Amino acid sequence: MRTCILDGNNITDKETLHDIFSSSLQLPDWYGRNLDALCDCLSDIQEETEIRLLHAESLEEHLGHYAKALIKAISRVCQDNPRIHFRHSA
């Protein structure tokens, strides 16, 4: 199982967030580093993958609305792709 750990304490901007996704999930070169592109990539994943969000409240402090949109987007992908597992604190 692949795992992507997002630590909200250490993610202070969108660039860092997308760097973590890109490197930990080995996303393709065409990955556009935005939420739409992330959803497209996650929808295509064929192996069991866990995305773990630690310190969600810190991520929201750093990224504001973008953090909330990220959580919603990943949750939607999980409904469409049963291989994606999302663990986060509310």
Protein backbone atom coordinates (compact mmCIF):
# COMPACT_ATOMS: atom_id res chain seq x y z
CA MET A 1 0.00 0.00 0.00
CA ARG A 2 1.28 3.45 -0.89
CA THR A 3 0.96 6.08 1.79
CA CYS A 4 0.93 9.87 1.57
CA ILE A 5 1.28 11.64 4.90
CA LEU A 6 0.25 15.28 5.00
CA ASP A 7 1.33 17.03 8.19
CA GLY A 8 -0.59 20.28 8.48
CA ASN A 9 2.04 21.65 10.85
CA ASN A 10 4.64 21.51 8.06
CA ILE A 11 2.57 22.52 5.04
CA THR A 12 2.44 26.29 4.82
CA ASP A 13 1.64 26.77 1.12
CA LYS A 14 0.01 25.05 -1.85
CA GLU A 15 3.34 24.37 -3.52
CA THR A 16 4.55 22.28 -0.58
CA LEU A 17 1.25 20.41 -0.47
CA HIS A 18 1.45 19.47 -4.14
CA ASP A 19 5.16 18.60 -3.84
CA ILE A 20 4.25 16.04 -1.18
CA PHE A 21 1.48 14.52 -3.28
CA SER A 22 3.67 14.40 -6.36
CA SER A 23 6.64 12.75 -4.69
CA SER A 24 4.91 10.38 -2.27
CA LEU A 25 2.36 9.09 -4.79
CA GLN A 26 4.69 9.29 -7.80
CA LEU A 27 2.16 11.28 -9.80
CA PRO A 28 2.70 11.58 -13.56
CA ASP A 29 4.58 14.43 -15.22
CA TRP A 30 1.31 15.92 -16.48
CA TYR A 31 0.10 16.48 -12.90
CA GLY A 32 -1.11 20.10 -12.92
CA ARG A 33 -0.52 20.78 -9.21
CA ASN A 34 -4.08 21.87 -8.48
CA LEU A 35 -7.11 20.16 -6.95
CA ASP A 36 -8.71 19.20 -10.27
CA ALA A 37 -5.51 17.57 -11.48
CA LEU A 38 -5.06 15.86 -8.11
CA CYS A 39 -8.55 14.38 -8.32
CA ASP A 40 -7.85 13.15 -11.85
CA CYS A 41 -4.63 11.48 -10.72
CA LEU A 42 -6.20 9.92 -7.62
CA SER A 43 -9.11 8.61 -9.67
CA ASP A 44 -6.65 6.73 -11.90
CA ILE A 45 -4.68 5.06 -9.09
CA GLN A 46 -4.94 1.28 -9.32
CA GLU A 47 -3.20 0.22 -6.12
CA GLU A 48 -4.29 0.57 -2.51
CA THR A 49 -3.32 4.04 -1.37
CA GLU A 50 -3.75 5.76 1.97
CA ILE A 51 -3.73 9.52 2.37
CA ARG A 52 -3.27 10.47 5.99
CA LEU A 53 -3.83 14.07 7.09
CA LEU A 54 -2.31 14.99 10.44
CA HIS A 55 -3.08 18.29 12.15
CA ALA A 56 -5.92 19.28 9.84
CA GLU A 57 -6.56 22.37 11.93
CA SER A 58 -3.04 23.63 11.23
CA LEU A 59 -3.46 22.98 7.53
CA GLU A 60 -6.64 25.07 7.59
CA GLU A 61 -4.80 27.85 9.40
CA HIS A 62 -2.09 27.84 6.73
CA LEU A 63 -4.18 27.30 3.60
CA GLY A 64 -7.63 28.51 4.61
CA HIS A 65 -10.42 27.62 2.21
CA TYR A 66 -8.01 25.59 0.04
CA ALA A 67 -7.52 23.09 2.89
CA LYS A 68 -11.27 22.62 3.23
CA ALA A 69 -11.61 22.20 -0.54
CA LEU A 70 -8.79 19.63 -0.46
CA ILE A 71 -10.56 17.54 2.19
CA LYS A 72 -13.81 17.62 0.22
CA ALA A 73 -12.06 16.74 -3.03
CA ILE A 74 -10.22 13.74 -1.58
CA SER A 75 -13.40 12.55 0.15
CA ARG A 76 -15.24 12.63 -3.20
CA VAL A 77 -12.45 10.69 -4.90
CA CYS A 78 -12.70 8.02 -2.20
CA GLN A 79 -16.33 7.47 -3.14
CA ASP A 80 -15.37 6.88 -6.78
CA ASN A 81 -12.13 4.97 -6.27
CA PRO A 82 -12.31 2.33 -3.52
CA ARG A 83 -8.51 1.97 -3.59
CA ILE A 84 -8.06 5.44 -2.06
CA HIS A 85 -8.35 5.57 1.72
CA PHE A 86 -8.42 8.94 3.49
CA ARG A 87 -7.70 9.23 7.20
CA HIS A 88 -7.91 12.60 8.88
CA SER A 89 -8.91 14.25 12.09
CA ALA A 90 -12.05 16.35 11.94
